[in-house]
Amino acid sequence: MMEEIDEIDLFLDSQVKTEKELMQEKCEKTYNAASSQTRRNIMRTVCFLGKRKVELLKETGLDEAALKFHTEILISADFLFQDEKGVYRLTELGLKVLPKL
């Protein structure tokens, strides 16, 4: 007996992205993250030593909501991460991009 394909199976199959689509999505995230002067400023502020949230708030002049918005974009683009102590640090990619900012 053949297994019947239902609407859920069809939907799930349609959600699988091709390698090209995944690469394009990654490029768009990277461009979006790097295109903002505010996000570039956050990366320069974090620099090589890392910064805690309170330090970033003070040094960038952003409020908590704006800082969260921008750091989430930088994290999703793989430029930034937050370590187990809550310190924001640049990723390997972020460190490579830093001299070009």
PDB file of N, CA and C in Angstrom:
ATOM      1  N   MET A   1       0.841  -1.185   0.000  1.00  0.00           N
ATOM      2  CA  MET A   1       0.000   0.000   0.000  1.00  0.00           C
ATOM      3  C   MET A   1       0.884   1.246   0.000  1.00  0.00           C
ATOM      4  N   MET A   2       0.588   2.174  -0.869  1.00  0.00           N
ATOM      5  CA  MET A   2       1.369   3.404  -0.959  1.00  0.00           C
ATOM      6  C   MET A   2       0.929   4.381   0.119  1.00  0.00           C
ATOM      7  N   GLU A   3       1.918   5.075   0.641  1.00  0.00           N
ATOM      8  CA  GLU A   3       1.632   6.069   1.673  1.00  0.00           C
ATOM      9  C   GLU A   3       1.042   7.314   1.017  1.00  0.00           C
ATOM     10  N   GLU A   4      -0.008   7.809   1.590  1.00  0.00           N
ATOM     11  CA  GLU A   4      -0.675   8.979   1.036  1.00  0.00           C
ATOM     12  C   GLU A   4       0.051  10.252   1.464  1.00  0.00           C
ATOM     13  N   ILE A   5       0.245  11.165   0.534  1.00  0.00           N
ATOM     14  CA  ILE A   5       0.878  12.450   0.833  1.00  0.00           C
ATOM     15  C   ILE A   5      -0.232  13.439   1.160  1.00  0.00           C
ATOM     16  N   ASP A   6      -0.124  14.051   2.328  1.00  0.00           N
ATOM     17  CA  ASP A   6      -1.145  15.015   2.721  1.00  0.00           C
ATOM     18  C   ASP A   6      -0.619  16.442   2.590  1.00  0.00           C
ATOM     19  N   GLU A   7      -1.450  17.396   2.928  1.00  0.00           N
ATOM     20  CA  GLU A   7      -1.095  18.813   2.793  1.00  0.00           C
ATOM     21  C   GLU A   7       0.090  19.201   3.671  1.00  0.00           C
ATOM     22  N   ILE A   8       0.217  18.612   4.833  1.00  0.00           N
ATOM     23  CA  ILE A   8       1.338  18.928   5.726  1.00  0.00           C
ATOM     24  C   ILE A   8       2.654  18.494   5.083  1.00  0.00           C
ATOM     25  N   ASP A   9       2.677  17.295   4.497  1.00  0.00           N
ATOM     26  CA  ASP A   9       3.884  16.835   3.805  1.00  0.00           C
ATOM     27  C   ASP A   9       4.248  17.779   2.660  1.00  0.00           C
ATOM     28  N   LEU A  10       3.270  18.177   1.896  1.00  0.00           N
ATOM     29  CA  LEU A  10       3.525  19.099   0.786  1.00  0.00           C
ATOM     30  C   LEU A  10       4.060  20.431   1.291  1.00  0.00           C
ATOM     31  N   PHE A  11       3.498  20.923   2.387  1.00  0.00           N
ATOM     32  CA  PHE A  11       3.965  22.184   2.960  1.00  0.00           C
ATOM     33  C   PHE A  11       5.407  22.060   3.434  1.00  0.00           C
ATOM     34  N   LEU A  12       5.709  20.995   4.171  1.00  0.00           N
ATOM     35  CA  LEU A  12       7.068  20.802   4.681  1.00  0.00           C
ATOM     36  C   LEU A  12       8.074  20.665   3.545  1.00  0.00           C
ATOM     37  N   ASP A  13       7.710  19.950   2.508  1.00  0.00           N
ATOM     38  CA  ASP A  13       8.602  19.808   1.353  1.00  0.00           C
ATOM     39  C   ASP A  13       8.860  21.149   0.680  1.00  0.00           C
ATOM     40  N   SER A  14       7.868  22.008   0.676  1.00  0.00           N
ATOM     41  CA  SER A  14       8.031  23.311   0.018  1.00  0.00           C
ATOM     42  C   SER A  14       8.894  24.267   0.836  1.00  0.00           C
ATOM     43  N   GLN A  15       9.132  23.960   2.117  1.00  0.00           N
ATOM     44  CA  GLN A  15       9.900  24.846   2.990  1.00  0.00           C
ATOM     45  C   GLN A  15      11.405  24.574   2.956  1.00  0.00           C
ATOM     46  N   VAL A  16      11.815  23.501   2.325  1.00  0.00           N
ATOM     47  CA  VAL A  16      13.229  23.167   2.245  1.00  0.00           C
ATOM     48  C   VAL A  16      13.903  24.131   1.274  1.00  0.00           C
ATOM     49  N   LYS A  17      14.950  24.794   1.762  1.00  0.00           N
ATOM     50  CA  LYS A  17      15.635  25.783   0.935  1.00  0.00           C
ATOM     51  C   LYS A  17      16.813  25.140   0.220  1.00  0.00           C
ATOM     52  N   THR A  18      17.052  25.622  -0.981  1.00  0.00           N
ATOM     53  CA  THR A  18      18.198  25.135  -1.737  1.00  0.00           C
ATOM     54  C   THR A  18      19.471  25.751  -1.168  1.00  0.00           C
ATOM     55  N   GLU A  19      20.592  25.187  -1.552  1.00  0.00           N
ATOM     56  CA  GLU A  19      21.880  25.712  -1.102  1.00  0.00           C
ATOM     57  C   GLU A  19      22.050  27.160  -1.570  1.00  0.00           C
ATOM     58  N   LYS A  20      21.602  27.436  -2.775  1.00  0.00           N
ATOM     59  CA  LYS A  20      21.693  28.799  -3.318  1.00  0.00           C
ATOM     60  C   LYS A  20      20.847  29.768  -2.494  1.00  0.00           C
ATOM     61  N   GLU A  21      19.637  29.353  -2.121  1.00  0.00           N
ATOM     62  CA  GLU A  21      18.764  30.201  -1.304  1.00  0.00           C
ATOM     63  C   GLU A  21      19.366  30.443   0.077  1.00  0.00           C
ATOM     64  N   LEU A  22      19.965  29.406   0.661  1.00  0.00           N
ATOM     65  CA  LEU A  22      20.606  29.562   1.970  1.00  0.00           C
ATOM     66  C   LEU A  22      21.791  30.519   1.891  1.00  0.00           C
ATOM     67  N   MET A  23      22.581  30.422   0.824  1.00  0.00           N
ATOM     68  CA  MET A  23      23.726  31.310   0.644  1.00  0.00           C
ATOM     69  C   MET A  23      23.259  32.750   0.441  1.00  0.00           C
ATOM     70  N   GLN A  24      22.210  32.934  -0.339  1.00  0.00           N
ATOM     71  CA  GLN A  24      21.675  34.275  -0.567  1.00  0.00           C
ATOM     72  C   GLN A  24      21.156  34.869   0.740  1.00  0.00           C
ATOM     73  N   GLU A  25      20.477  34.061   1.539  1.00  0.00           N
ATOM     74  CA  GLU A  25      19.966  34.519   2.835  1.00  0.00           C
ATOM     75  C   GLU A  25      21.118  34.943   3.751  1.00  0.00           C
ATOM     76  N   LYS A  26      22.195  34.161   3.773  1.00  0.00           N
ATOM     77  CA  LYS A  26      23.359  34.494   4.594  1.00  0.00           C
ATOM     78  C   LYS A  26      23.999  35.797   4.118  1.00  0.00           C
ATOM     79  N   CYS A  27      24.115  35.970   2.807  1.00  0.00           N
ATOM     80  CA  CYS A  27      24.684  37.207   2.256  1.00  0.00           C
ATOM     81  C   CYS A  27      23.829  38.419   2.623  1.00  0.00           C
ATOM     82  N   GLU A  28      22.513  38.259   2.561  1.00  0.00           N
ATOM     83  CA  GLU A  28      21.611  39.356   2.917  1.00  0.00           C
ATOM     84  C   GLU A  28      21.740  39.715   4.392  1.00  0.00           C
ATOM     85  N   LYS A  29      21.843  38.712   5.266  1.00  0.00           N
ATOM     86  CA  LYS A  29      22.023  38.978   6.700  1.00  0.00           C
ATOM     87  C   LYS A  29      23.335  39.706   6.951  1.00  0.00           C
ATOM     88  N   THR A  30      24.390  39.256   6.274  1.00  0.00           N
ATOM     89  CA  THR A  30      25.703  39.877   6.440  1.00  0.00           C
ATOM     90  C   THR A  30      25.672  41.321   5.969  1.00  0.00           C
ATOM     91  N   TYR A  31      25.099  41.559   4.787  1.00  0.00           N
ATOM     92  CA  TYR A  31      25.016  42.917   4.252  1.00  0.00           C
ATOM     93  C   TYR A  31      24.178  43.800   5.167  1.00  0.00           C
ATOM     94  N   ASN A  32      23.034  43.292   5.605  1.00  0.00           N
ATOM     95  CA  ASN A  32      22.152  44.062   6.482  1.00  0.00           C
ATOM     96  C   ASN A  32      22.865  44.442   7.777  1.00  0.00           C
ATOM     97  N   ALA A  33      23.580  43.501   8.353  1.00  0.00           N
ATOM     98  CA  ALA A  33      24.286  43.773   9.611  1.00  0.00           C
ATOM     99  C   ALA A  33      25.378  44.809   9.416  1.00  0.00           C
ATOM    100  N   ALA A  34      26.122  44.701   8.328  1.00  0.00           N
ATOM    101  CA  ALA A  34      27.262  45.594   8.103  1.00  0.00           C
ATOM    102  C   ALA A  34      26.858  46.946   7.533  1.00  0.00           C
ATOM    103  N   SER A  35      25.643  47.068   7.032  1.00  0.00           N
ATOM    104  CA  SER A  35      25.240  48.314   6.373  1.00  0.00           C
ATOM    105  C   SER A  35      24.814  49.414   7.348  1.00  0.00           C
ATOM    106  N   SER A  36      24.651  49.078   8.600  1.00  0.00           N
ATOM    107  CA  SER A  36      24.203  50.055   9.594  1.00  0.00           C
ATOM    108  C   SER A  36      25.391  50.686  10.320  1.00  0.00           C
ATOM    109  N   GLN A  37      25.432  52.005  10.325  1.00  0.00           N
ATOM    110  CA  GLN A  37      26.488  52.719  11.049  1.00  0.00           C
ATOM    111  C   GLN A  37      26.440  52.376  12.543  1.00  0.00           C
ATOM    112  N   THR A  38      25.248  52.242  13.093  1.00  0.00           N
ATOM    113  CA  THR A  38      25.097  51.894  14.511  1.00  0.00           C
ATOM    114  C   THR A  38      25.714  50.535  14.804  1.00  0.00           C
ATOM    115  N   ARG A  39      25.449  49.550  13.949  1.00  0.00           N
ATOM    116  CA  ARG A  39      26.000  48.214  14.171  1.00  0.00           C
ATOM    117  C   ARG A  39      27.513  48.191  13.966  1.00  0.00           C
ATOM    118  N   ARG A  40      28.002  48.962  13.014  1.00  0.00           N
ATOM    119  CA  ARG A  40      29.460  49.059  12.843  1.00  0.00           C
ATOM    120  C   ARG A  40      30.084  49.691  14.084  1.00  0.00           C
ATOM    121  N   ASN A  41      29.412  50.683  14.654  1.00  0.00           N
ATOM    122  CA  ASN A  41      29.901  51.323  15.874  1.00  0.00           C
ATOM    123  C   ASN A  41      29.926  50.330  17.046  1.00  0.00           C
ATOM    124  N   ILE A  42      28.899  49.502  17.153  1.00  0.00           N
ATOM    125  CA  ILE A  42      28.874  48.478  18.205  1.00  0.00           C
ATOM    126  C   ILE A  42      30.067  47.541  18.038  1.00  0.00           C
ATOM    127  N   MET A  43      30.338  47.127  16.815  1.00  0.00           N
ATOM    128  CA  MET A  43      31.467  46.218  16.577  1.00  0.00           C
ATOM    129  C   MET A  43      32.795  46.872  16.937  1.00  0.00           C
ATOM    130  N   ARG A  44      32.964  48.143  16.591  1.00  0.00           N
ATOM    131  CA  ARG A  44      34.201  48.851  16.946  1.00  0.00           C
ATOM    132  C   ARG A  44      34.318  48.998  18.459  1.00  0.00           C
ATOM    133  N   THR A  45      33.197  49.218  19.135  1.00  0.00           N
ATOM    134  CA  THR A  45      33.197  49.367  20.590  1.00  0.00           C
ATOM    135  C   THR A  45      33.549  48.045  21.269  1.00  0.00           C
ATOM    136  N   VAL A  46      32.992  46.953  20.783  1.00  0.00           N
ATOM    137  CA  VAL A  46      33.299  45.631  21.336  1.00  0.00           C
ATOM    138  C   VAL A  46      34.767  45.295  21.087  1.00  0.00           C
ATOM    139  N   CYS A  47      35.240  45.581  19.898  1.00  0.00           N
ATOM    140  CA  CYS A  47      36.632  45.406  19.478  1.00  0.00           C
ATOM    141  C   CYS A  47      37.190  44.047  19.897  1.00  0.00           C
ATOM    142  N   PHE A  48      38.421  44.006  20.333  1.00  0.00           N
ATOM    143  CA  PHE A  48      39.099  42.744  20.637  1.00  0.00           C
ATOM    144  C   PHE A  48      38.860  42.252  22.060  1.00  0.00           C
ATOM    145  N   LEU A  49      38.542  43.164  22.970  1.00  0.00           N
ATOM    146  CA  LEU A  49      38.438  42.794  24.379  1.00  0.00           C
ATOM    147  C   LEU A  49      37.039  42.394  24.821  1.00  0.00           C
ATOM    148  N   GLY A  50      36.020  42.765  24.064  1.00  0.00           N
ATOM    149  CA  GLY A  50      34.652  42.474  24.450  1.00  0.00           C
ATOM    150  C   GLY A  50      34.095  43.541  25.382  1.00  0.00           C
ATOM    151  N   LYS A  51      32.778  43.613  25.468  1.00  0.00           N
ATOM    152  CA  LYS A  51      32.104  44.592  26.332  1.00  0.00           C
ATOM    153  C   LYS A  51      30.855  43.967  26.929  1.00  0.00           C
ATOM    154  N   ARG A  52      30.571  44.360  28.163  1.00  0.00           N
ATOM    155  CA  ARG A  52      29.316  43.982  28.810  1.00  0.00           C
ATOM    156  C   ARG A  52      28.211  44.918  28.313  1.00  0.00           C
ATOM    157  N   LYS A  53      26.965  44.495  28.529  1.00  0.00           N
ATOM    158  CA  LYS A  53      25.826  45.283  28.068  1.00  0.00           C
ATOM    159  C   LYS A  53      25.861  46.698  28.633  1.00  0.00           C
ATOM    160  N   VAL A  54      26.144  46.838  29.923  1.00  0.00           N
ATOM    161  CA  VAL A  54      26.145  48.176  30.537  1.00  0.00           C
ATOM    162  C   VAL A  54      27.218  49.061  29.908  1.00  0.00           C
ATOM    163  N   GLU A  55      28.351  48.472  29.556  1.00  0.00           N
ATOM    164  CA  GLU A  55      29.412  49.240  28.905  1.00  0.00           C
ATOM    165  C   GLU A  55      28.979  49.680  27.507  1.00  0.00           C
ATOM    166  N   LEU A  56      28.334  48.769  26.781  1.00  0.00           N
ATOM    167  CA  LEU A  56      27.855  49.121  25.441  1.00  0.00           C
ATOM    168  C   LEU A  56      26.786  50.203  25.495  1.00  0.00           C
ATOM    169  N   LEU A  57      25.887  50.102  26.462  1.00  0.00           N
ATOM    170  CA  LEU A  57      24.847  51.126  26.609  1.00  0.00           C
ATOM    171  C   LEU A  57      25.481  52.497  26.822  1.00  0.00           C
ATOM    172  N   LYS A  58      26.452  52.553  27.693  1.00  0.00           N
ATOM    173  CA  LYS A  58      27.108  53.820  28.022  1.00  0.00           C
ATOM    174  C   LYS A  58      27.933  54.348  26.845  1.00  0.00           C
ATOM    175  N   GLU A  59      28.724  53.476  26.241  1.00  0.00           N
ATOM    176  CA  GLU A  59      29.653  53.920  25.206  1.00  0.00           C
ATOM    177  C   GLU A  59      28.997  54.202  23.860  1.00  0.00           C
ATOM    178  N   THR A  60      27.869  53.553  23.575  1.00  0.00           N
ATOM    179  CA  THR A  60      27.189  53.797  22.297  1.00  0.00           C
ATOM    180  C   THR A  60      26.079  54.832  22.418  1.00  0.00           C
ATOM    181  N   GLY A  61      25.589  55.055  23.646  1.00  0.00           N
ATOM    182  CA  GLY A  61      24.487  55.996  23.831  1.00  0.00           C
ATOM    183  C   GLY A  61      23.133  55.429  23.438  1.00  0.00           C
ATOM    184  N   LEU A  62      23.066  54.138  23.169  1.00  0.00           N
ATOM    185  CA  LEU A  62      21.801  53.508  22.796  1.00  0.00           C
ATOM    186  C   LEU A  62      20.993  53.163  24.039  1.00  0.00           C
ATOM    187  N   ASP A  63      19.665  53.077  23.877  1.00  0.00           N
ATOM    188  CA  ASP A  63      18.853  52.571  24.980  1.00  0.00           C
ATOM    189  C   ASP A  63      18.827  51.040  24.883  1.00  0.00           C
ATOM    190  N   GLU A  64      18.278  50.388  25.902  1.00  0.00           N
ATOM    191  CA  GLU A  64      18.309  48.917  25.950  1.00  0.00           C
ATOM    192  C   GLU A  64      17.619  48.267  24.759  1.00  0.00           C
ATOM    193  N   ALA A  65      16.468  48.810  24.352  1.00  0.00           N
ATOM    194  CA  ALA A  65      15.732  48.218  23.230  1.00  0.00           C
ATOM    195  C   ALA A  65      16.533  48.315  21.934  1.00  0.00           C
ATOM    196  N   ALA A  66      17.130  49.467  21.690  1.00  0.00           N
ATOM    197  CA  ALA A  66      17.923  49.650  20.467  1.00  0.00           C
ATOM    198  C   ALA A  66      19.158  48.755  20.482  1.00  0.00           C
ATOM    199  N   LEU A  67      19.816  48.666  21.632  1.00  0.00           N
ATOM    200  CA  LEU A  67      20.998  47.809  21.726  1.00  0.00           C
ATOM    201  C   LEU A  67      20.620  46.353  21.468  1.00  0.00           C
ATOM    202  N   LYS A  68      19.529  45.903  22.057  1.00  0.00           N
ATOM    203  CA  LYS A  68      19.079  44.525  21.847  1.00  0.00           C
ATOM    204  C   LYS A  68      18.769  44.280  20.375  1.00  0.00           C
ATOM    205  N   PHE A  69      18.074  45.211  19.737  1.00  0.00           N
ATOM    206  CA  PHE A  69      17.730  45.092  18.317  1.00  0.00           C
ATOM    207  C   PHE A  69      18.991  44.915  17.475  1.00  0.00           C
ATOM    208  N   HIS A  70      19.962  45.793  17.677  1.00  0.00           N
ATOM    209  CA  HIS A  70      21.172  45.772  16.853  1.00  0.00           C
ATOM    210  C   HIS A  70      22.078  44.585  17.174  1.00  0.00           C
ATOM    211  N   THR A  71      22.206  44.222  18.450  1.00  0.00           N
ATOM    212  CA  THR A  71      23.061  43.076  18.781  1.00  0.00           C
ATOM    213  C   THR A  71      22.459  41.771  18.262  1.00  0.00           C
ATOM    214  N   GLU A  72      21.139  41.649  18.262  1.00  0.00           N
ATOM    215  CA  GLU A  72      20.511  40.441  17.720  1.00  0.00           C
ATOM    216  C   GLU A  72      20.796  40.293  16.229  1.00  0.00           C
ATOM    217  N   ILE A  73      20.788  41.403  15.505  1.00  0.00           N
ATOM    218  CA  ILE A  73      21.112  41.357  14.073  1.00  0.00           C
ATOM    219  C   ILE A  73      22.572  40.953  13.880  1.00  0.00           C
ATOM    220  N   LEU A  74      23.461  41.523  14.682  1.00  0.00           N
ATOM    221  CA  LEU A  74      24.884  41.172  14.580  1.00  0.00           C
ATOM    222  C   LEU A  74      25.127  39.708  14.944  1.00  0.00           C
ATOM    223  N   ILE A  75      24.396  39.208  15.924  1.00  0.00           N
ATOM    224  CA  ILE A  75      24.528  37.802  16.316  1.00  0.00           C
ATOM    225  C   ILE A  75      24.013  36.896  15.198  1.00  0.00           C
ATOM    226  N   SER A  76      22.869  37.239  14.614  1.00  0.00           N
ATOM    227  CA  SER A  76      22.303  36.390  13.553  1.00  0.00           C
ATOM    228  C   SER A  76      23.170  36.390  12.298  1.00  0.00           C
ATOM    229  N   ALA A  77      23.959  37.448  12.100  1.00  0.00           N
ATOM    230  CA  ALA A  77      24.871  37.515  10.949  1.00  0.00           C
ATOM    231  C   ALA A  77      26.232  36.905  11.273  1.00  0.00           C
ATOM    232  N   ASP A  78      26.386  36.378  12.477  1.00  0.00           N
ATOM    233  CA  ASP A  78      27.622  35.730  12.930  1.00  0.00           C
ATOM    234  C   ASP A  78      28.801  36.699  13.049  1.00  0.00           C
ATOM    235  N   PHE A  79      28.516  37.947  13.416  1.00  0.00           N
ATOM    236  CA  PHE A  79      29.570  38.922  13.694  1.00  0.00           C
ATOM    237  C   PHE A  79      29.856  39.015  15.190  1.00  0.00           C
ATOM    238  N   LEU A  80      28.884  38.647  16.004  1.00  0.00           N
ATOM    239  CA  LEU A  80      28.939  38.898  17.438  1.00  0.00           C
ATOM    240  C   LEU A  80      28.348  37.705  18.179  1.00  0.00           C
ATOM    241  N   PHE A  81      28.809  37.469  19.404  1.00  0.00           N
ATOM    242  CA  PHE A  81      28.174  36.485  20.283  1.00  0.00           C
ATOM    243  C   PHE A  81      28.297  36.991  21.711  1.00  0.00           C
ATOM    244  N   GLN A  82      27.501  36.407  22.591  1.00  0.00           N
ATOM    245  CA  GLN A  82      27.550  36.760  24.005  1.00  0.00           C
ATOM    246  C   GLN A  82      28.035  35.527  24.757  1.00  0.00           C
ATOM    247  N   ASP A  83      29.149  35.669  25.484  1.00  0.00           N
ATOM    248  CA  ASP A  83      29.717  34.504  26.168  1.00  0.00           C
ATOM    249  C   ASP A  83      28.944  34.175  27.442  1.00  0.00           C
ATOM    250  N   GLU A  84      29.394  33.141  28.142  1.00  0.00           N
ATOM    251  CA  GLU A  84      28.686  32.657  29.339  1.00  0.00           C
ATOM    252  C   GLU A  84      28.669  33.670  30.473  1.00  0.00           C
ATOM    253  N   LYS A  85      29.560  34.654  30.437  1.00  0.00           N
ATOM    254  CA  LYS A  85      29.587  35.705  31.461  1.00  0.00           C
ATOM    255  C   LYS A  85      28.784  36.937  31.039  1.00  0.00           C
ATOM    256  N   GLY A  86      28.144  36.872  29.871  1.00  0.00           N
ATOM    257  CA  GLY A  86      27.340  37.988  29.394  1.00  0.00           C
ATOM    258  C   GLY A  86      28.126  39.046  28.641  1.00  0.00           C
ATOM    259  N   VAL A  87      29.378  38.747  28.311  1.00  0.00           N
ATOM    260  CA  VAL A  87      30.220  39.699  27.587  1.00  0.00           C
ATOM    261  C   VAL A  87      30.009  39.504  26.092  1.00  0.00           C
ATOM    262  N   TYR A  88      29.751  40.613  25.395  1.00  0.00           N
ATOM    263  CA  TYR A  88      29.643  40.560  23.942  1.00  0.00           C
ATOM    264  C   TYR A  88      31.045  40.513  23.361  1.00  0.00           C
ATOM    265  N   ARG A  89      31.251  39.598  22.420  1.00  0.00           N
ATOM    266  CA  ARG A  89      32.551  39.443  21.770  1.00  0.00           C
ATOM    267  C   ARG A  89      32.345  39.277  20.266  1.00  0.00           C
ATOM    268  N   LEU A  90      33.351  39.666  19.508  1.00  0.00           N
ATOM    269  CA  LEU A  90      33.305  39.462  18.068  1.00  0.00           C
ATOM    270  C   LEU A  90      33.625  38.003  17.752  1.00  0.00           C
ATOM    271  N   THR A  91      32.948  37.475  16.760  1.00  0.00           N
ATOM    272  CA  THR A  91      33.250  36.133  16.272  1.00  0.00           C
ATOM    273  C   THR A  91      34.491  36.214  15.388  1.00  0.00           C
ATOM    274  N   GLU A  92      34.916  35.081  14.883  1.00  0.00           N
ATOM    275  CA  GLU A  92      36.050  35.065  13.955  1.00  0.00           C
ATOM    276  C   GLU A  92      35.741  35.927  12.734  1.00  0.00           C
ATOM    277  N   LEU A  93      34.515  35.812  12.216  1.00  0.00           N
ATOM    278  CA  LEU A  93      34.110  36.640  11.079  1.00  0.00           C
ATOM    279  C   LEU A  93      34.102  38.113  11.465  1.00  0.00           C
ATOM    280  N   GLY A  94      33.583  38.429  12.641  1.00  0.00           N
ATOM    281  CA  GLY A  94      33.563  39.811  13.119  1.00  0.00           C
ATOM    282  C   GLY A  94      34.958  40.394  13.232  1.00  0.00           C
ATOM    283  N   LEU A  95      35.905  39.586  13.698  1.00  0.00           N
ATOM    284  CA  LEU A  95      37.296  40.039  13.814  1.00  0.00           C
ATOM    285  C   LEU A  95      37.919  40.284  12.444  1.00  0.00           C
ATOM    286  N   LYS A  96      37.536  39.477  11.451  1.00  0.00           N
ATOM    287  CA  LYS A  96      38.054  39.673  10.094  1.00  0.00           C
ATOM    288  C   LYS A  96      37.507  40.950   9.468  1.00  0.00           C
ATOM    289  N   VAL A  97      36.257  41.268   9.768  1.00  0.00           N
ATOM    290  CA  VAL A  97      35.597  42.440   9.190  1.00  0.00           C
ATOM    291  C   VAL A  97      36.014  43.728   9.896  1.00  0.00           C
ATOM    292  N   LEU A  98      36.345  43.645  11.174  1.00  0.00           N
ATOM    293  CA  LEU A  98      36.634  44.823  12.001  1.00  0.00           C
ATOM    294  C   LEU A  98      37.604  45.820  11.360  1.00  0.00           C
ATOM    295  N   PRO A  99      38.741  45.408  10.812  1.00  0.00           N
ATOM    296  CA  PRO A  99      39.662  46.400  10.231  1.00  0.00           C
ATOM    297  C   PRO A  99      39.087  47.169   9.038  1.00  0.00           C
ATOM    298  N   LYS A 100      38.040  46.628   8.433  1.00  0.00           N
ATOM    299  CA  LYS A 100      37.440  47.267   7.259  1.00  0.00           C
ATOM    300  C   LYS A 100      36.309  48.226   7.611  1.00  0.00           C
ATOM    301  N   LEU A 101      35.976  48.316   8.900  1.00  0.00           N
ATOM    302  CA  LEU A 101      34.850  49.171   9.319  1.00  0.00           C
ATOM    303  C   LEU A 101      35.252  50.621   9.406  1.00  0.00           C
TER     304      LEU A 101
END
